[in-house]
Amino acid sequence: MIKSIVMHVIDGSNIAPMERWYYKHHSAEIARRYGPWIQRYESWLPVQTPKEAQEYGWFNWRFTQIYWRDLPERGAKGEYAFTPPPYWLKRVASTFIPGQCSDDFKGDQLLSNEKYVLRWVQFIRYPEGVNKEKAEEWYVNTFAKEACQHEKMYRFFSSKTIVGLGGLPGVWRDCDKPFLKGGKDLQWDRISEMWFETFEDWRNFVITNPPVYTIPEWAETNKFPFLKLGEDFISTFLLEQPNNDFIAEKRIYL
């Protein structure tokens, strides 16, 4: 089983029409067309995020994950094309990861009633030309161990992405493809999650009292995450409970 993850950036003034499109059209079309292949189809609306956290490549709309039993063949295959959204999406980031995380670094003994959960989900891409095996060695065996020393960050797990699968199956009409104003970004190396109880705890971990890190030789900046924010490092903040389970719901919008 594999899992697809998609994050979006939209113009915040268009939230109402975009929510109607996603709930009334897009999610229903995905669930109807791909239901036989899908185990779970869940979506979150990112939480209100402080300005300093938004600087870490914040994606402000719909974080969606689908667990696939298998991927269907690409193409129309006798089905309708997808209904386009009413406004351009400024940016879409999408990737595939294993159904279970590749690396569980911290917090595996946690019980569900012990702490509040503020999820910081991160898409990570190593700089062009970097030896990815060495970058992975640094991330797993150096960075992760150093990050785990900080008590305010109490849960940390991560997955290497699955390369070569392209985007999700489905057909958009050629005349509708410009709605992806910024294009789809499919090239990512790792997806990570860090959990905190509050944004103040996040701020302590990232800004006011960060761990002492071993800076990699390929670092694009001299501080965590050592990557270009908004380009090679993007993120969003979620709560633990999804806003929607689109396989279980009837999706009656009004």
C-alpha atoms as a PDB file:
ATOM      1  CA  MET A   1       0.000   0.000   0.000  1.00  0.00           C
ATOM      2  CA  ILE A   2       1.181   3.517  -0.789  1.00  0.00           C
ATOM      3  CA  LYS A   3      -0.018   6.961   0.236  1.00  0.00           C
ATOM      4  CA  SER A   4      -0.368  10.102  -1.859  1.00  0.00           C
ATOM      5  CA  ILE A   5      -0.060  13.527  -0.235  1.00  0.00           C
ATOM      6  CA  VAL A   6      -1.113  16.817  -1.825  1.00  0.00           C
ATOM      7  CA  MET A   7      -0.792  20.365  -0.446  1.00  0.00           C
ATOM      8  CA  HIS A   8      -2.110  23.579  -1.995  1.00  0.00           C
ATOM      9  CA  VAL A   9      -1.601  27.325  -1.935  1.00  0.00           C
ATOM     10  CA  ILE A  10      -4.525  29.551  -2.919  1.00  0.00           C
ATOM     11  CA  ASP A  11      -5.390  33.218  -2.728  1.00  0.00           C
ATOM     12  CA  GLY A  12      -7.035  33.408   0.696  1.00  0.00           C
ATOM     13  CA  SER A  13      -9.757  35.714  -0.574  1.00  0.00           C
ATOM     14  CA  ASN A  14     -11.071  32.817  -2.689  1.00  0.00           C
ATOM     15  CA  ILE A  15     -11.527  30.338   0.150  1.00  0.00           C
ATOM     16  CA  ALA A  16     -15.345  30.115  -0.117  1.00  0.00           C
ATOM     17  CA  PRO A  17     -15.599  29.258  -3.842  1.00  0.00           C
ATOM     18  CA  MET A  18     -12.586  26.939  -3.616  1.00  0.00           C
ATOM     19  CA  GLU A  19     -14.112  25.051  -0.683  1.00  0.00           C
ATOM     20  CA  ARG A  20     -17.382  24.627  -2.567  1.00  0.00           C
ATOM     21  CA  TRP A  21     -15.530  23.296  -5.615  1.00  0.00           C
ATOM     22  CA  TYR A  22     -13.433  20.877  -3.579  1.00  0.00           C
ATOM     23  CA  TYR A  23     -16.290  19.578  -1.471  1.00  0.00           C
ATOM     24  CA  LYS A  24     -19.067  19.518  -4.082  1.00  0.00           C
ATOM     25  CA  HIS A  25     -17.107  18.489  -7.171  1.00  0.00           C
ATOM     26  CA  HIS A  26     -13.503  17.403  -6.805  1.00  0.00           C
ATOM     27  CA  SER A  27     -13.701  15.143  -3.765  1.00  0.00           C
ATOM     28  CA  ALA A  28     -16.883  13.498  -5.064  1.00  0.00           C
ATOM     29  CA  GLU A  29     -15.278  12.844  -8.458  1.00  0.00           C
ATOM     30  CA  ILE A  30     -12.171  11.335  -6.869  1.00  0.00           C
ATOM     31  CA  ALA A  31     -14.181   9.133  -4.499  1.00  0.00           C
ATOM     32  CA  ARG A  32     -16.570   7.968  -7.213  1.00  0.00           C
ATOM     33  CA  ARG A  33     -13.946   7.278  -9.861  1.00  0.00           C
ATOM     34  CA  TYR A  34     -11.217   5.757  -7.719  1.00  0.00           C
ATOM     35  CA  GLY A  35     -13.220   4.279  -4.847  1.00  0.00           C
ATOM     36  CA  PRO A  36     -12.367   0.659  -5.758  1.00  0.00           C
ATOM     37  CA  TRP A  37      -8.650   1.464  -5.444  1.00  0.00           C
ATOM     38  CA  ILE A  38      -8.832   3.710  -2.361  1.00  0.00           C
ATOM     39  CA  GLN A  39      -8.694   2.568   1.250  1.00  0.00           C
ATOM     40  CA  ARG A  40      -8.858   6.009   2.908  1.00  0.00           C
ATOM     41  CA  TYR A  41      -9.325   9.522   1.521  1.00  0.00           C
ATOM     42  CA  GLU A  42      -8.906  12.248   4.152  1.00  0.00           C
ATOM     43  CA  SER A  43      -8.397  15.993   4.004  1.00  0.00           C
ATOM     44  CA  TRP A  44      -7.396  18.711   6.479  1.00  0.00           C
ATOM     45  CA  LEU A  45      -7.737  22.471   6.448  1.00  0.00           C
ATOM     46  CA  PRO A  46      -4.492  23.974   7.796  1.00  0.00           C
ATOM     47  CA  VAL A  47      -4.798  25.763  11.131  1.00  0.00           C
ATOM     48  CA  GLN A  48      -4.348  29.512  11.602  1.00  0.00           C
ATOM     49  CA  THR A  49      -0.604  30.018  11.557  1.00  0.00           C
ATOM     50  CA  PRO A  50       1.558  32.805  13.081  1.00  0.00           C
ATOM     51  CA  LYS A  51       3.469  34.975  10.633  1.00  0.00           C
ATOM     52  CA  GLU A  52       6.875  33.629  11.668  1.00  0.00           C
ATOM     53  CA  ALA A  53       5.693  30.079  10.978  1.00  0.00           C
ATOM     54  CA  GLN A  54       4.276  31.078   7.596  1.00  0.00           C
ATOM     55  CA  GLU A  55       7.807  32.011   6.552  1.00  0.00           C
ATOM     56  CA  TYR A  56       8.676  28.290   6.477  1.00  0.00           C
ATOM     57  CA  GLY A  57       7.091  27.752   3.080  1.00  0.00           C
ATOM     58  CA  TRP A  58       3.532  27.679   4.412  1.00  0.00           C
ATOM     59  CA  PHE A  59       0.867  26.016   2.255  1.00  0.00           C
ATOM     60  CA  ASN A  60      -2.426  27.525   3.311  1.00  0.00           C
ATOM     61  CA  TRP A  61      -5.138  25.250   1.925  1.00  0.00           C
ATOM     62  CA  ARG A  62      -6.293  21.617   1.795  1.00  0.00           C
ATOM     63  CA  PHE A  63      -3.792  18.963   2.833  1.00  0.00           C
ATOM     64  CA  THR A  64      -5.096  15.690   1.406  1.00  0.00           C
ATOM     65  CA  GLN A  65      -3.851  12.144   1.793  1.00  0.00           C
ATOM     66  CA  ILE A  66      -5.118   9.012   0.090  1.00  0.00           C
ATOM     67  CA  TYR A  67      -4.183   5.443   0.952  1.00  0.00           C
ATOM     68  CA  TRP A  68      -4.146   3.395  -2.263  1.00  0.00           C
ATOM     69  CA  ARG A  69      -4.523  -0.372  -2.379  1.00  0.00           C
ATOM     70  CA  ASP A  70      -3.184  -0.051  -5.920  1.00  0.00           C
ATOM     71  CA  LEU A  71      -2.934   2.725  -8.505  1.00  0.00           C
ATOM     72  CA  PRO A  72      -5.380   2.607 -11.434  1.00  0.00           C
ATOM     73  CA  GLU A  73      -4.214   3.009 -14.998  1.00  0.00           C
ATOM     74  CA  ARG A  74      -3.775   6.549 -16.225  1.00  0.00           C
ATOM     75  CA  GLY A  75      -5.982   8.204 -18.803  1.00  0.00           C
ATOM     76  CA  ALA A  76      -9.684   8.782 -19.290  1.00  0.00           C
ATOM     77  CA  LYS A  77     -10.579   5.051 -19.337  1.00  0.00           C
ATOM     78  CA  GLY A  78     -14.214   5.779 -20.088  1.00  0.00           C
ATOM     79  CA  GLU A  79     -14.689   8.399 -17.353  1.00  0.00           C
ATOM     80  CA  TYR A  80     -15.361  12.145 -17.288  1.00  0.00           C
ATOM     81  CA  ALA A  81     -12.590  14.720 -17.055  1.00  0.00           C
ATOM     82  CA  PHE A  82     -12.306  16.489 -13.704  1.00  0.00           C
ATOM     83  CA  THR A  83     -14.334  19.631 -13.032  1.00  0.00           C
ATOM     84  CA  PRO A  84     -11.871  22.578 -12.909  1.00  0.00           C
ATOM     85  CA  PRO A  85     -11.694  24.877  -9.882  1.00  0.00           C
ATOM     86  CA  PRO A  86     -13.132  28.390 -10.131  1.00  0.00           C
ATOM     87  CA  TYR A  87      -9.764  30.069  -9.484  1.00  0.00           C
ATOM     88  CA  TRP A  88      -6.146  29.379 -10.223  1.00  0.00           C
ATOM     89  CA  LEU A  89      -4.229  27.350  -7.703  1.00  0.00           C
ATOM     90  CA  LYS A  90      -1.060  29.295  -6.965  1.00  0.00           C
ATOM     91  CA  ARG A  91       0.914  26.144  -6.205  1.00  0.00           C
ATOM     92  CA  VAL A  92       0.361  22.410  -5.737  1.00  0.00           C
ATOM     93  CA  ALA A  93       2.882  20.021  -4.156  1.00  0.00           C
ATOM     94  CA  SER A  94       2.265  16.305  -4.475  1.00  0.00           C
ATOM     95  CA  THR A  95       4.176  13.101  -3.822  1.00  0.00           C
ATOM     96  CA  PHE A  96       3.883   9.422  -2.932  1.00  0.00           C
ATOM     97  CA  ILE A  97       5.260   7.794   0.220  1.00  0.00           C
ATOM     98  CA  PRO A  98       4.938   4.329   1.785  1.00  0.00           C
ATOM     99  CA  GLY A  99       1.726   3.609   3.670  1.00  0.00           C
ATOM    100  CA  GLN A 100       3.809   3.445   6.854  1.00  0.00           C
ATOM    101  CA  CYS A 101       6.673   5.821   7.639  1.00  0.00           C
ATOM    102  CA  SER A 102      10.221   4.855   6.736  1.00  0.00           C
ATOM    103  CA  ASP A 103      11.785   6.278   9.914  1.00  0.00           C
ATOM    104  CA  ASP A 104      10.221   6.717  13.360  1.00  0.00           C
ATOM    105  CA  PHE A 105      12.653   8.909  15.260  1.00  0.00           C
ATOM    106  CA  LYS A 106      10.859   9.954  18.446  1.00  0.00           C
ATOM    107  CA  GLY A 107       7.689   9.413  20.457  1.00  0.00           C
ATOM    108  CA  ASP A 108       6.737   5.863  19.562  1.00  0.00           C
ATOM    109  CA  GLN A 109       5.667   5.180  23.177  1.00  0.00           C
ATOM    110  CA  LEU A 110       3.163   8.055  23.189  1.00  0.00           C
ATOM    111  CA  LEU A 111      -0.477   7.410  24.108  1.00  0.00           C
ATOM    112  CA  SER A 112      -3.259   9.336  22.381  1.00  0.00           C
ATOM    113  CA  ASN A 113      -4.497  11.118  25.538  1.00  0.00           C
ATOM    114  CA  GLU A 114      -1.122  12.299  26.818  1.00  0.00           C
ATOM    115  CA  LYS A 115      -0.514  15.445  24.750  1.00  0.00           C
ATOM    116  CA  TYR A 116      -2.239  17.867  22.420  1.00  0.00           C
ATOM    117  CA  VAL A 117      -1.194  17.554  18.805  1.00  0.00           C
ATOM    118  CA  LEU A 118      -0.037  20.319  16.464  1.00  0.00           C
ATOM    119  CA  ARG A 119       1.389  18.599  13.384  1.00  0.00           C
ATOM    120  CA  TRP A 120       4.136  20.310  11.398  1.00  0.00           C
ATOM    121  CA  VAL A 121       4.268  18.533   8.029  1.00  0.00           C
ATOM    122  CA  GLN A 122       7.343  19.223   5.908  1.00  0.00           C
ATOM    123  CA  PHE A 123       8.183  18.554   2.243  1.00  0.00           C
ATOM    124  CA  ILE A 124      11.968  18.375   1.835  1.00  0.00           C
ATOM    125  CA  ARG A 125      14.072  18.528  -1.328  1.00  0.00           C
ATOM    126  CA  TYR A 126      17.853  18.377  -1.267  1.00  0.00           C
ATOM    127  CA  PRO A 127      19.626  20.972  -3.446  1.00  0.00           C
ATOM    128  CA  GLU A 128      20.308  20.120  -7.059  1.00  0.00           C
ATOM    129  CA  GLY A 129      23.571  18.247  -7.530  1.00  0.00           C
ATOM    130  CA  VAL A 130      23.813  17.023  -3.937  1.00  0.00           C
ATOM    131  CA  ASN A 131      24.695  13.375  -3.349  1.00  0.00           C
ATOM    132  CA  LYS A 132      21.370  12.160  -2.011  1.00  0.00           C
ATOM    133  CA  GLU A 133      22.808   9.130  -0.254  1.00  0.00           C
ATOM    134  CA  LYS A 134      25.084  11.406   1.784  1.00  0.00           C
ATOM    135  CA  ALA A 135      22.241  13.849   2.390  1.00  0.00           C
ATOM    136  CA  GLU A 136      20.059  11.009   3.656  1.00  0.00           C
ATOM    137  CA  GLU A 137      22.872   9.774   5.882  1.00  0.00           C
ATOM    138  CA  TRP A 138      23.099  13.246   7.441  1.00  0.00           C
ATOM    139  CA  TYR A 139      19.335  13.564   7.862  1.00  0.00           C
ATOM    140  CA  VAL A 140      18.746  10.177   9.478  1.00  0.00           C
ATOM    141  CA  ASN A 141      21.905   9.709  11.528  1.00  0.00           C
ATOM    142  CA  THR A 142      22.913  13.264  12.410  1.00  0.00           C
ATOM    143  CA  PHE A 143      20.104  15.795  12.054  1.00  0.00           C
ATOM    144  CA  ALA A 144      17.311  13.588  13.401  1.00  0.00           C
ATOM    145  CA  LYS A 145      19.279  12.649  16.502  1.00  0.00           C
ATOM    146  CA  GLU A 146      20.128  16.279  17.229  1.00  0.00           C
ATOM    147  CA  ALA A 147      16.547  17.450  16.671  1.00  0.00           C
ATOM    148  CA  CYS A 148      15.195  14.762  18.986  1.00  0.00           C
ATOM    149  CA  GLN A 149      17.122  16.224  21.933  1.00  0.00           C
ATOM    150  CA  HIS A 150      14.669  19.132  22.129  1.00  0.00           C
ATOM    151  CA  GLU A 151      11.922  18.366  24.645  1.00  0.00           C
ATOM    152  CA  LYS A 152       9.288  20.632  23.084  1.00  0.00           C
ATOM    153  CA  MET A 153       9.286  18.573  19.877  1.00  0.00           C
ATOM    154  CA  TYR A 154       7.871  15.312  21.199  1.00  0.00           C
ATOM    155  CA  ARG A 155       7.041  13.285  18.062  1.00  0.00           C
ATOM    156  CA  PHE A 156       9.104  12.940  14.880  1.00  0.00           C
ATOM    157  CA  PHE A 157       8.733  10.523  11.995  1.00  0.00           C
ATOM    158  CA  SER A 158       9.573  10.671   8.309  1.00  0.00           C
ATOM    159  CA  SER A 159       9.420   8.871   4.960  1.00  0.00           C
ATOM    160  CA  LYS A 160      11.508   8.818   1.834  1.00  0.00           C
ATOM    161  CA  THR A 161       9.355   9.553  -1.177  1.00  0.00           C
ATOM    162  CA  ILE A 162       8.590   6.988  -3.859  1.00  0.00           C
ATOM    163  CA  VAL A 163      10.031   8.266  -7.116  1.00  0.00           C
ATOM    164  CA  GLY A 164       8.939   7.560 -10.665  1.00  0.00           C
ATOM    165  CA  LEU A 165       5.162   7.446 -10.142  1.00  0.00           C
ATOM    166  CA  GLY A 166       4.416  10.932 -11.475  1.00  0.00           C
ATOM    167  CA  GLY A 167       1.238  12.671 -10.397  1.00  0.00           C
ATOM    168  CA  LEU A 168      -2.099  11.222  -9.399  1.00  0.00           C
ATOM    169  CA  PRO A 169      -4.204   9.444 -12.043  1.00  0.00           C
ATOM    170  CA  GLY A 170      -6.874  11.550 -13.661  1.00  0.00           C
ATOM    171  CA  VAL A 171      -7.666  13.691 -16.666  1.00  0.00           C
ATOM    172  CA  TRP A 172      -7.948  17.476 -16.844  1.00  0.00           C
ATOM    173  CA  ARG A 173      -9.142  19.028 -20.091  1.00  0.00           C
ATOM    174  CA  ASP A 174      -6.337  20.742 -21.988  1.00  0.00           C
ATOM    175  CA  CYS A 175      -8.221  24.056 -21.803  1.00  0.00           C
ATOM    176  CA  ASP A 176      -8.422  23.773 -17.991  1.00  0.00           C
ATOM    177  CA  LYS A 177      -4.767  23.010 -17.279  1.00  0.00           C
ATOM    178  CA  PRO A 178      -3.783  26.702 -16.875  1.00  0.00           C
ATOM    179  CA  PHE A 179      -5.633  26.694 -13.541  1.00  0.00           C
ATOM    180  CA  LEU A 180      -2.341  25.384 -12.139  1.00  0.00           C
ATOM    181  CA  LYS A 181      -0.753  28.796 -12.317  1.00  0.00           C
ATOM    182  CA  GLY A 182       2.376  27.766 -10.450  1.00  0.00           C
ATOM    183  CA  GLY A 183       2.456  24.216 -11.776  1.00  0.00           C
ATOM    184  CA  LYS A 184       2.578  20.903  -9.972  1.00  0.00           C
ATOM    185  CA  ASP A 185       5.678  20.219  -7.914  1.00  0.00           C
ATOM    186  CA  LEU A 186       6.301  16.467  -7.815  1.00  0.00           C
ATOM    187  CA  GLN A 187      10.022  16.294  -7.080  1.00  0.00           C
ATOM    188  CA  TRP A 188      10.523  15.799  -3.342  1.00  0.00           C
ATOM    189  CA  ASP A 189      12.972  13.640  -1.412  1.00  0.00           C
ATOM    190  CA  ARG A 190      11.423  13.267   2.027  1.00  0.00           C
ATOM    191  CA  ILE A 191       8.220  13.998   3.949  1.00  0.00           C
ATOM    192  CA  SER A 192       8.579  14.580   7.695  1.00  0.00           C
ATOM    193  CA  GLU A 193       6.298  15.339  10.613  1.00  0.00           C
ATOM    194  CA  MET A 194       7.182  16.974  13.906  1.00  0.00           C
ATOM    195  CA  TRP A 195       4.582  17.350  16.654  1.00  0.00           C
ATOM    196  CA  PHE A 196       4.220  20.092  19.252  1.00  0.00           C
ATOM    197  CA  GLU A 197       1.532  21.001  21.756  1.00  0.00           C
ATOM    198  CA  THR A 198       1.438  24.729  20.941  1.00  0.00           C
ATOM    199  CA  PHE A 199       2.904  27.240  18.519  1.00  0.00           C
ATOM    200  CA  GLU A 200       4.919  28.588  21.446  1.00  0.00           C
ATOM    201  CA  ASP A 201       6.594  25.170  21.688  1.00  0.00           C
ATOM    202  CA  TRP A 202       7.214  25.270  17.928  1.00  0.00           C
ATOM    203  CA  ARG A 203       8.714  28.748  18.272  1.00  0.00           C
ATOM    204  CA  ASN A 204      10.996  27.523  21.063  1.00  0.00           C
ATOM    205  CA  PHE A 205      12.212  24.626  18.914  1.00  0.00           C
ATOM    206  CA  VAL A 206      12.741  26.620  15.706  1.00  0.00           C
ATOM    207  CA  ILE A 207      13.500  30.212  16.721  1.00  0.00           C
ATOM    208  CA  THR A 208      14.220  31.003  20.374  1.00  0.00           C
ATOM    209  CA  ASN A 209      16.014  27.894  21.602  1.00  0.00           C
ATOM    210  CA  PRO A 210      16.817  25.592  18.683  1.00  0.00           C
ATOM    211  CA  PRO A 211      19.001  22.499  19.021  1.00  0.00           C
ATOM    212  CA  VAL A 212      22.659  22.751  18.107  1.00  0.00           C
ATOM    213  CA  TYR A 213      22.854  21.209  14.646  1.00  0.00           C
ATOM    214  CA  THR A 214      25.684  19.865  12.550  1.00  0.00           C
ATOM    215  CA  ILE A 215      25.360  21.960   9.399  1.00  0.00           C
ATOM    216  CA  PRO A 216      25.677  19.879   6.207  1.00  0.00           C
ATOM    217  CA  GLU A 217      28.281  20.928   3.677  1.00  0.00           C
ATOM    218  CA  TRP A 218      25.573  21.476   1.058  1.00  0.00           C
ATOM    219  CA  ALA A 219      23.497  23.816   3.260  1.00  0.00           C
ATOM    220  CA  GLU A 220      21.738  26.603   1.360  1.00  0.00           C
ATOM    221  CA  THR A 221      21.356  28.608   4.604  1.00  0.00           C
ATOM    222  CA  ASN A 222      23.177  28.504   7.920  1.00  0.00           C
ATOM    223  CA  LYS A 223      20.156  27.592  10.059  1.00  0.00           C
ATOM    224  CA  PHE A 224      17.487  24.902  10.145  1.00  0.00           C
ATOM    225  CA  PRO A 225      16.173  23.603   7.804  1.00  0.00           C
ATOM    226  CA  PHE A 226      19.334  24.520   5.830  1.00  0.00           C
ATOM    227  CA  LEU A 227      17.248  24.755   2.654  1.00  0.00           C
ATOM    228  CA  LYS A 228      15.603  27.570   0.696  1.00  0.00           C
ATOM    229  CA  LEU A 229      12.305  28.258   2.425  1.00  0.00           C
ATOM    230  CA  GLY A 230       9.365  28.078   0.057  1.00  0.00           C
ATOM    231  CA  GLU A 231      11.445  26.323  -2.610  1.00  0.00           C
ATOM    232  CA  ASP A 232      13.249  23.278  -1.226  1.00  0.00           C
ATOM    233  CA  PHE A 233      11.401  23.303   2.097  1.00  0.00           C
ATOM    234  CA  ILE A 234       7.643  23.800   2.340  1.00  0.00           C
ATOM    235  CA  SER A 235       5.306  23.006   5.202  1.00  0.00           C
ATOM    236  CA  THR A 236       1.883  23.275   6.757  1.00  0.00           C
ATOM    237  CA  PHE A 237       0.333  22.928  10.214  1.00  0.00           C
ATOM    238  CA  LEU A 238      -2.525  20.552  10.944  1.00  0.00           C
ATOM    239  CA  LEU A 239      -4.503  19.174  13.843  1.00  0.00           C
ATOM    240  CA  GLU A 240      -4.787  15.433  14.382  1.00  0.00           C
ATOM    241  CA  GLN A 241      -8.419  15.072  13.271  1.00  0.00           C
ATOM    242  CA  PRO A 242      -9.113  15.400   9.516  1.00  0.00           C
ATOM    243  CA  ASN A 243     -11.870  17.768   8.489  1.00  0.00           C
ATOM    244  CA  ASN A 244     -13.224  15.261   6.011  1.00  0.00           C
ATOM    245  CA  ASP A 245     -13.212  11.527   5.349  1.00  0.00           C
ATOM    246  CA  PHE A 246     -14.444  11.555   1.761  1.00  0.00           C
ATOM    247  CA  ILE A 247     -14.989   7.799   1.450  1.00  0.00           C
ATOM    248  CA  ALA A 248     -17.216   7.647   4.532  1.00  0.00           C
ATOM    249  CA  GLU A 249     -19.082  10.938   4.002  1.00  0.00           C
ATOM    250  CA  LYS A 250     -22.113  11.463   1.768  1.00  0.00           C
ATOM    251  CA  ARG A 251     -20.682  14.847   0.704  1.00  0.00           C
ATOM    252  CA  ILE A 252     -23.913  16.808   0.760  1.00  0.00           C
ATOM    253  CA  TYR A 253     -22.604  20.349   0.443  1.00  0.00           C
ATOM    254  CA  LEU A 254     -25.725  22.368   1.278  1.00  0.00           C
END
